Amino acid sequence: MKYQPLYDRRKRVIAGQIGVSFEEVMIGEEESQKDDEGYQKLPAFDIRCRIVPATPIEEFWLRALQTHPGISNMICNSDEAALKHLTDVTITYPNPSARSACIITNDIPLSFAINFYFSPNEFFTNLLLTKSYVYKVSWCLKYFIVMMLTM
């Protein structure tokens, strides 16, 4: 996957396994100011510090979801305790060669899955929860569903 090295680095930074450079912080600041009119600059830190030390970012994913404009209104107070255990979020796409094409139109359904990884917690036993989405259903699948509903 094209972005996998970036995702791996993000995961290591969040876990506090590696630090980030001063230049990376400044690039992030500039991009954030361009993208968000209400962005508040990070507190000043020692300009002589070339590497921001490796420190775990506690509850990173909870805060990321709470501040996302399209997601924040879906998170209830009762969700927060479980979301504090969220350690990573990834998106996977099925391998096109592994998907079955429609025998009539040769269409391949398009889909993706969002994977939520959790640390051990008292809310659920599975440490990986996956939500799958299909956004292009092949003609054959539609036909199959209609046939099943009319039987």
N, C-alpha and C. Protein backbone atom coordinates (compact mmCIF):
# COMPACT_ATOMS: atom_id res chain seq x y z
N MET A 1 0.85 -1.17 0.00
CA MET A 1 0.00 0.00 0.00
C MET A 1 0.90 1.24 0.00
N LYS A 2 0.50 2.22 -0.75
CA LYS A 2 1.29 3.43 -0.98
C LYS A 2 1.63 4.17 0.32
N TYR A 3 0.66 4.29 1.22
CA TYR A 3 0.86 5.09 2.42
C TYR A 3 1.27 4.28 3.65
N GLN A 4 1.51 2.99 3.49
CA GLN A 4 1.81 2.15 4.65
C GLN A 4 3.00 2.65 5.47
N PRO A 5 4.10 3.10 4.84
CA PRO A 5 5.21 3.62 5.66
C PRO A 5 4.79 4.82 6.52
N LEU A 6 3.94 5.68 5.97
CA LEU A 6 3.44 6.83 6.74
C LEU A 6 2.57 6.37 7.90
N TYR A 7 1.70 5.40 7.66
CA TYR A 7 0.84 4.88 8.72
C TYR A 7 1.66 4.21 9.81
N ASP A 8 2.69 3.47 9.41
CA ASP A 8 3.55 2.80 10.39
C ASP A 8 4.28 3.84 11.25
N ARG A 9 4.76 4.91 10.62
CA ARG A 9 5.44 5.97 11.38
C ARG A 9 4.46 6.66 12.32
N ARG A 10 3.26 6.94 11.85
CA ARG A 10 2.25 7.57 12.70
C ARG A 10 1.99 6.72 13.94
N LYS A 11 1.85 5.42 13.74
CA LYS A 11 1.57 4.52 14.85
C LYS A 11 2.71 4.54 15.87
N ARG A 12 3.96 4.57 15.38
CA ARG A 12 5.12 4.59 16.27
C ARG A 12 5.23 5.92 17.02
N VAL A 13 4.89 7.03 16.36
CA VAL A 13 4.92 8.34 17.02
C VAL A 13 3.86 8.38 18.12
N ILE A 14 2.64 7.93 17.80
CA ILE A 14 1.54 7.95 18.78
C ILE A 14 1.89 7.08 19.99
N ALA A 15 2.53 5.93 19.74
CA ALA A 15 2.89 5.02 20.83
C ALA A 15 4.09 5.51 21.63
N GLY A 16 4.76 6.57 21.16
CA GLY A 16 5.92 7.09 21.86
C GLY A 16 7.18 6.30 21.60
N GLN A 17 7.22 5.54 20.52
CA GLN A 17 8.40 4.76 20.18
C GLN A 17 9.46 5.60 19.48
N ILE A 18 9.02 6.66 18.78
CA ILE A 18 9.95 7.57 18.10
C ILE A 18 9.48 9.00 18.28
N GLY A 19 10.40 9.94 18.17
CA GLY A 19 10.06 11.36 18.24
C GLY A 19 9.90 11.92 16.84
N VAL A 20 9.64 13.20 16.74
CA VAL A 20 9.52 13.87 15.45
C VAL A 20 10.51 15.03 15.43
N SER A 21 10.93 15.41 14.24
CA SER A 21 11.89 16.49 14.11
C SER A 21 11.19 17.85 14.19
N PHE A 22 11.97 18.85 14.51
CA PHE A 22 11.47 20.23 14.57
C PHE A 22 10.89 20.62 13.21
N GLU A 23 11.55 20.22 12.13
CA GLU A 23 11.08 20.54 10.78
C GLU A 23 9.71 19.93 10.51
N GLU A 24 9.50 18.70 10.97
CA GLU A 24 8.19 18.05 10.78
C GLU A 24 7.10 18.81 11.53
N VAL A 25 7.42 19.27 12.72
CA VAL A 25 6.44 20.04 13.50
C VAL A 25 6.09 21.33 12.77
N MET A 26 7.11 22.02 12.25
CA MET A 26 6.88 23.30 11.57
C MET A 26 6.07 23.10 10.28
N ILE A 27 6.35 22.03 9.54
CA ILE A 27 5.58 21.74 8.32
C ILE A 27 4.12 21.48 8.70
N GLY A 28 3.89 20.73 9.76
CA GLY A 28 2.54 20.46 10.23
C GLY A 28 1.83 21.73 10.65
N GLU A 29 2.55 22.63 11.31
CA GLU A 29 1.97 23.92 11.72
C GLU A 29 1.52 24.72 10.49
N GLU A 30 2.39 24.80 9.49
CA GLU A 30 2.07 25.56 8.29
C GLU A 30 0.86 24.99 7.56
N GLU A 31 0.83 23.67 7.41
CA GLU A 31 -0.30 23.02 6.73
C GLU A 31 -1.60 23.23 7.51
N SER A 32 -1.53 23.12 8.83
CA SER A 32 -2.71 23.29 9.66
C SER A 32 -3.26 24.70 9.56
N GLN A 33 -2.37 25.70 9.52
CA GLN A 33 -2.82 27.08 9.40
C GLN A 33 -3.49 27.34 8.06
N LYS A 34 -2.99 26.68 6.99
CA LYS A 34 -3.59 26.84 5.66
C LYS A 34 -4.97 26.18 5.59
N ASP A 35 -5.10 25.02 6.22
CA ASP A 35 -6.32 24.22 6.11
C ASP A 35 -7.42 24.61 7.08
N ASP A 36 -7.08 25.29 8.18
CA ASP A 36 -8.05 25.53 9.24
C ASP A 36 -7.96 26.96 9.72
N GLU A 37 -8.98 27.75 9.43
CA GLU A 37 -8.99 29.16 9.84
C GLU A 37 -8.93 29.32 11.35
N GLY A 38 -9.52 28.41 12.09
CA GLY A 38 -9.55 28.51 13.54
C GLY A 38 -8.39 27.82 14.23
N TYR A 39 -7.38 27.41 13.48
CA TYR A 39 -6.27 26.66 14.07
C TYR A 39 -5.52 27.51 15.09
N GLN A 40 -5.23 26.91 16.24
CA GLN A 40 -4.44 27.59 17.28
C GLN A 40 -3.04 27.01 17.25
N LYS A 41 -2.05 27.88 17.14
CA LYS A 41 -0.66 27.44 17.06
C LYS A 41 -0.27 26.65 18.31
N LEU A 42 0.66 25.75 18.12
CA LEU A 42 1.20 25.00 19.24
C LEU A 42 1.95 25.93 20.17
N PRO A 43 2.01 25.60 21.46
CA PRO A 43 2.81 26.43 22.37
C PRO A 43 4.27 26.44 21.91
N ALA A 44 4.94 27.54 22.11
CA ALA A 44 6.34 27.66 21.69
C ALA A 44 7.19 26.66 22.47
N PHE A 45 8.16 26.09 21.79
CA PHE A 45 9.12 25.24 22.48
C PHE A 45 10.52 25.65 22.03
N ASP A 46 11.48 25.17 22.75
CA ASP A 46 12.87 25.58 22.55
C ASP A 46 13.31 25.35 21.11
N ILE A 47 13.64 26.43 20.43
CA ILE A 47 14.05 26.37 19.02
C ILE A 47 15.32 25.55 18.85
N ARG A 48 16.10 25.43 19.92
CA ARG A 48 17.35 24.65 19.84
C ARG A 48 17.05 23.15 19.85
N CYS A 49 15.86 22.81 20.24
CA CYS A 49 15.47 21.40 20.28
C CYS A 49 15.16 20.94 18.86
N ARG A 50 15.99 20.11 18.29
CA ARG A 50 15.82 19.67 16.91
C ARG A 50 14.92 18.44 16.81
N ILE A 51 14.76 17.71 17.89
CA ILE A 51 13.90 16.52 17.90
C ILE A 51 12.93 16.65 19.07
N VAL A 52 11.65 16.50 18.79
CA VAL A 52 10.66 16.46 19.85
C VAL A 52 10.75 15.06 20.44
N PRO A 53 10.98 14.94 21.74
CA PRO A 53 11.23 13.62 22.33
C PRO A 53 10.07 12.64 22.12
N ALA A 54 10.44 11.38 22.10
CA ALA A 54 9.45 10.32 21.95
C ALA A 54 8.64 10.21 23.24
N THR A 55 7.37 10.55 23.15
CA THR A 55 6.46 10.50 24.29
C THR A 55 5.13 9.98 23.77
N PRO A 56 4.55 9.00 24.45
CA PRO A 56 3.23 8.52 23.99
C PRO A 56 2.21 9.64 23.99
N ILE A 57 1.34 9.63 22.98
CA ILE A 57 0.26 10.61 22.90
C ILE A 57 -0.99 9.91 23.43
N GLU A 58 -1.27 10.18 24.68
CA GLU A 58 -2.39 9.50 25.35
C GLU A 58 -3.72 9.89 24.69
N GLU A 59 -4.57 8.90 24.51
CA GLU A 59 -5.93 9.09 24.00
C GLU A 59 -5.95 9.84 22.67
N PHE A 60 -4.93 9.61 21.84
CA PHE A 60 -4.83 10.30 20.55
C PHE A 60 -6.07 10.10 19.70
N TRP A 61 -6.50 8.84 19.52
CA TRP A 61 -7.61 8.57 18.61
C TRP A 61 -8.93 9.09 19.16
N LEU A 62 -9.11 9.05 20.46
CA LEU A 62 -10.32 9.63 21.05
C LEU A 62 -10.38 11.12 20.73
N ARG A 63 -9.27 11.83 20.94
CA ARG A 63 -9.26 13.27 20.66
C ARG A 63 -9.41 13.55 19.16
N ALA A 64 -8.79 12.71 18.33
CA ALA A 64 -8.91 12.91 16.88
C ALA A 64 -10.37 12.76 16.44
N LEU A 65 -11.05 11.76 16.95
CA LEU A 65 -12.45 11.55 16.59
C LEU A 65 -13.36 12.64 17.17
N GLN A 66 -13.05 13.08 18.39
CA GLN A 66 -13.87 14.11 19.04
C GLN A 66 -13.75 15.46 18.34
N THR A 67 -12.65 15.70 17.66
CA THR A 67 -12.46 16.99 17.00
C THR A 67 -12.72 16.94 15.50
N HIS A 68 -13.07 15.78 14.98
CA HIS A 68 -13.39 15.66 13.56
C HIS A 68 -14.81 16.16 13.33
N PRO A 69 -14.99 17.13 12.41
CA PRO A 69 -16.31 17.73 12.24
C PRO A 69 -17.39 16.75 11.79
N GLY A 70 -17.04 15.70 11.07
CA GLY A 70 -18.05 14.76 10.60
C GLY A 70 -18.33 13.62 11.56
N ILE A 71 -17.51 13.48 12.59
CA ILE A 71 -17.64 12.34 13.50
C ILE A 71 -17.99 12.76 14.92
N SER A 72 -17.55 13.93 15.32
CA SER A 72 -17.67 14.35 16.72
C SER A 72 -19.09 14.25 17.27
N ASN A 73 -20.09 14.58 16.46
CA ASN A 73 -21.47 14.54 16.97
C ASN A 73 -22.01 13.12 17.12
N MET A 74 -21.28 12.12 16.65
CA MET A 74 -21.72 10.73 16.80
C MET A 74 -21.16 10.07 18.06
N ILE A 75 -20.21 10.73 18.73
CA ILE A 75 -19.58 10.14 19.91
C ILE A 75 -20.32 10.59 21.15
N CYS A 76 -20.85 9.62 21.89
CA CYS A 76 -21.57 9.90 23.14
C CYS A 76 -20.59 9.83 24.31
N ASN A 77 -21.00 10.40 25.42
CA ASN A 77 -20.16 10.34 26.63
C ASN A 77 -19.86 8.89 27.01
N SER A 78 -20.83 8.02 26.79
CA SER A 78 -20.64 6.61 27.15
C SER A 78 -19.64 5.91 26.23
N ASP A 79 -19.35 6.47 25.05
CA ASP A 79 -18.37 5.89 24.13
C ASP A 79 -16.94 6.20 24.54
N GLU A 80 -16.75 7.30 25.24
CA GLU A 80 -15.41 7.79 25.52
C GLU A 80 -14.53 6.79 26.27
N ALA A 81 -15.09 6.11 27.24
CA ALA A 81 -14.29 5.17 28.04
C ALA A 81 -13.72 4.06 27.15
N ALA A 82 -14.52 3.56 26.23
CA ALA A 82 -14.03 2.52 25.32
C ALA A 82 -13.04 3.09 24.31
N LEU A 83 -13.34 4.29 23.78
CA LEU A 83 -12.46 4.90 22.77
C LEU A 83 -11.10 5.30 23.33
N LYS A 84 -10.98 5.41 24.64
CA LYS A 84 -9.67 5.69 25.23
C LYS A 84 -8.71 4.53 24.97
N HIS A 85 -9.24 3.36 24.68
CA HIS A 85 -8.41 2.18 24.42
C HIS A 85 -8.08 2.00 22.93
N LEU A 86 -8.59 2.88 22.08
CA LEU A 86 -8.33 2.79 20.64
C LEU A 86 -6.86 3.15 20.38
N THR A 87 -6.12 2.23 19.74
CA THR A 87 -4.68 2.44 19.52
C THR A 87 -4.32 2.71 18.07
N ASP A 88 -5.18 2.31 17.13
CA ASP A 88 -4.88 2.56 15.72
C ASP A 88 -6.15 2.41 14.90
N VAL A 89 -6.17 3.10 13.78
CA VAL A 89 -7.27 3.00 12.82
C VAL A 89 -6.64 2.85 11.45
N THR A 90 -7.06 1.83 10.71
CA THR A 90 -6.54 1.63 9.36
C THR A 90 -7.69 1.37 8.41
N ILE A 91 -7.41 1.56 7.14
CA ILE A 91 -8.38 1.24 6.08
C ILE A 91 -7.75 0.18 5.20
N THR A 92 -8.53 -0.83 4.88
CA THR A 92 -8.04 -1.87 3.98
C THR A 92 -9.01 -1.99 2.81
N TYR A 93 -8.44 -2.32 1.67
CA TYR A 93 -9.20 -2.55 0.46
C TYR A 93 -9.00 -4.01 0.05
N PRO A 94 -10.05 -4.70 -0.32
CA PRO A 94 -9.88 -6.09 -0.73
C PRO A 94 -9.01 -6.18 -1.97
N ASN A 95 -8.27 -7.24 -2.07
CA ASN A 95 -7.45 -7.50 -3.24
C ASN A 95 -8.37 -7.72 -4.44
N PRO A 96 -8.24 -6.91 -5.51
CA PRO A 96 -9.15 -7.05 -6.65
C PRO A 96 -9.15 -8.46 -7.26
N SER A 97 -8.02 -9.12 -7.24
CA SER A 97 -7.97 -10.47 -7.82
C SER A 97 -8.68 -11.50 -6.95
N ALA A 98 -8.90 -11.18 -5.68
CA ALA A 98 -9.56 -12.11 -4.78
C ALA A 98 -11.08 -11.94 -4.77
N ARG A 99 -11.57 -10.86 -5.38
CA ARG A 99 -13.01 -10.62 -5.40
C ARG A 99 -13.63 -11.29 -6.61
N SER A 100 -14.83 -11.72 -6.45
CA SER A 100 -15.54 -12.38 -7.54
C SER A 100 -16.23 -11.36 -8.42
N ALA A 101 -16.01 -11.46 -9.71
CA ALA A 101 -16.68 -10.58 -10.66
C ALA A 101 -18.01 -11.20 -11.06
N CYS A 102 -18.94 -10.35 -11.45
CA CYS A 102 -20.24 -10.79 -11.93
C CYS A 102 -20.02 -11.59 -13.23
N ILE A 103 -20.63 -12.74 -13.33
CA ILE A 103 -20.42 -13.57 -14.53
C ILE A 103 -21.09 -12.99 -15.77
N ILE A 104 -22.04 -12.07 -15.58
CA ILE A 104 -22.73 -11.48 -16.73
C ILE A 104 -22.05 -10.19 -17.17
N THR A 105 -21.79 -9.27 -16.24
CA THR A 105 -21.24 -7.96 -16.61
C THR A 105 -19.76 -7.82 -16.33
N ASN A 106 -19.17 -8.76 -15.59
CA ASN A 106 -17.77 -8.73 -15.18
C ASN A 106 -17.47 -7.58 -14.21
N ASP A 107 -18.52 -6.98 -13.62
CA ASP A 107 -18.33 -5.93 -12.62
C ASP A 107 -17.74 -6.52 -11.35
N ILE A 108 -16.87 -5.76 -10.71
CA ILE A 108 -16.32 -6.16 -9.42
C ILE A 108 -16.85 -5.18 -8.38
N PRO A 109 -17.50 -5.68 -7.32
CA PRO A 109 -18.00 -4.76 -6.30
C PRO A 109 -16.83 -4.02 -5.65
N LEU A 110 -16.98 -2.73 -5.41
CA LEU A 110 -15.95 -1.93 -4.76
C LEU A 110 -16.30 -1.78 -3.29
N SER A 111 -15.30 -1.95 -2.44
CA SER A 111 -15.56 -1.88 -1.02
C SER A 111 -14.27 -1.52 -0.27
N PHE A 112 -14.44 -1.24 1.02
CA PHE A 112 -13.31 -1.02 1.90
C PHE A 112 -13.75 -1.36 3.31
N ALA A 113 -12.77 -1.50 4.19
CA ALA A 113 -13.06 -1.79 5.59
C ALA A 113 -12.24 -0.85 6.46
N ILE A 114 -12.86 -0.37 7.53
CA ILE A 114 -12.16 0.43 8.53
C ILE A 114 -11.90 -0.49 9.72
N ASN A 115 -10.64 -0.58 10.09
CA ASN A 115 -10.21 -1.46 11.18
C ASN A 115 -9.87 -0.62 12.41
N PHE A 116 -10.49 -0.95 13.52
CA PHE A 116 -10.26 -0.25 14.78
C PHE A 116 -9.52 -1.20 15.71
N TYR A 117 -8.30 -0.83 16.11
CA TYR A 117 -7.47 -1.65 16.98
C TYR A 117 -7.51 -1.08 18.40
N PHE A 118 -7.74 -1.96 19.37
CA PHE A 118 -7.86 -1.55 20.76
C PHE A 118 -6.85 -2.26 21.64
N SER A 119 -6.46 -1.59 22.71
CA SER A 119 -5.68 -2.26 23.75
C SER A 119 -6.66 -3.08 24.59
N PRO A 120 -6.17 -4.05 25.36
CA PRO A 120 -7.09 -4.83 26.20
C PRO A 120 -7.93 -3.91 27.07
N ASN A 121 -9.22 -4.23 27.15
CA ASN A 121 -10.14 -3.37 27.91
C ASN A 121 -11.31 -4.19 28.42
N GLU A 122 -12.12 -3.57 29.25
CA GLU A 122 -13.25 -4.26 29.86
C GLU A 122 -14.53 -4.18 29.04
N PHE A 123 -14.50 -3.53 27.88
CA PHE A 123 -15.71 -3.30 27.11
C PHE A 123 -16.00 -4.40 26.09
N PHE A 124 -14.95 -4.98 25.49
CA PHE A 124 -15.14 -6.07 24.54
C PHE A 124 -13.87 -6.91 24.48
N THR A 125 -14.03 -8.16 24.07
CA THR A 125 -12.88 -9.08 24.07
C THR A 125 -12.09 -9.00 22.77
N ASN A 126 -12.74 -8.68 21.67
CA ASN A 126 -12.01 -8.56 20.40
C ASN A 126 -11.19 -7.28 20.43
N LEU A 127 -9.91 -7.40 20.11
CA LEU A 127 -9.05 -6.22 20.08
C LEU A 127 -9.08 -5.55 18.72
N LEU A 128 -9.70 -6.18 17.75
CA LEU A 128 -9.88 -5.62 16.42
C LEU A 128 -11.36 -5.64 16.07
N LEU A 129 -11.90 -4.46 15.79
CA LEU A 129 -13.28 -4.34 15.32
C LEU A 129 -13.21 -3.77 13.91
N THR A 130 -13.97 -4.36 12.99
CA THR A 130 -13.92 -3.96 11.59
C THR A 130 -15.32 -3.60 11.11
N LYS A 131 -15.40 -2.49 10.38
CA LYS A 131 -16.65 -2.07 9.74
C LYS A 131 -16.39 -2.06 8.25
N SER A 132 -17.15 -2.84 7.50
CA SER A 132 -16.97 -2.95 6.05
C SER A 132 -18.05 -2.16 5.32
N TYR A 133 -17.65 -1.55 4.22
CA TYR A 133 -18.55 -0.77 3.38
C TYR A 133 -18.44 -1.24 1.94
N VAL A 134 -19.58 -1.36 1.26
CA VAL A 134 -19.61 -1.64 -0.18
C VAL A 134 -20.21 -0.40 -0.83
N TYR A 135 -19.45 0.23 -1.73
CA TYR A 135 -19.96 1.44 -2.34
C TYR A 135 -20.22 1.30 -3.83
N LYS A 136 -19.95 0.16 -4.38
CA LYS A 136 -20.39 -0.13 -5.74
C LYS A 136 -20.78 -1.60 -5.77
N VAL A 137 -22.05 -1.83 -5.84
CA VAL A 137 -22.55 -3.20 -5.85
C VAL A 137 -22.70 -3.63 -7.30
N SER A 138 -22.21 -4.79 -7.61
CA SER A 138 -22.32 -5.27 -8.99
C SER A 138 -23.78 -5.57 -9.33
N TRP A 139 -24.08 -5.57 -10.61
CA TRP A 139 -25.41 -5.88 -11.10
C TRP A 139 -25.83 -7.26 -10.62
N CYS A 140 -24.92 -8.22 -10.62
CA CYS A 140 -25.25 -9.59 -10.21
C CYS A 140 -25.67 -9.64 -8.75
N LEU A 141 -24.97 -8.89 -7.89
CA LEU A 141 -25.32 -8.89 -6.48
C LEU A 141 -26.70 -8.25 -6.29
N LYS A 142 -26.98 -7.17 -6.99
CA LYS A 142 -28.31 -6.54 -6.91
C LYS A 142 -29.38 -7.53 -7.35
N TYR A 143 -29.12 -8.25 -8.45
CA TYR A 143 -30.07 -9.22 -8.97
C TYR A 143 -30.29 -10.33 -7.94
N PHE A 144 -29.22 -10.80 -7.33
CA PHE A 144 -29.30 -11.86 -6.33
C PHE A 144 -30.15 -11.39 -5.14
N ILE A 145 -29.91 -10.17 -4.68
CA ILE A 145 -30.67 -9.64 -3.53
C ILE A 145 -32.15 -9.52 -3.88
N VAL A 146 -32.47 -9.00 -5.06
CA VAL A 146 -33.86 -8.87 -5.49
C VAL A 146 -34.51 -10.25 -5.57
N MET A 147 -33.80 -11.22 -6.14
CA MET A 147 -34.34 -12.58 -6.24
C MET A 147 -34.61 -13.18 -4.86
N MET A 148 -33.70 -12.93 -3.91
CA MET A 148 -33.88 -13.48 -2.57
C MET A 148 -35.07 -12.81 -1.86
N LEU A 149 -35.28 -11.54 -2.11
CA LEU A 149 -36.38 -10.83 -1.46
C LEU A 149 -37.73 -11.20 -2.05
N THR A 150 -37.76 -11.63 -3.30
CA THR A 150 -39.03 -11.96 -3.93
C THR A 150 -39.41 -13.42 -3.77
N MET A 151 -38.57 -14.21 -3.21
CA MET A 151 -38.88 -15.65 -3.03
C MET A 151 -39.78 -15.87 -1.85
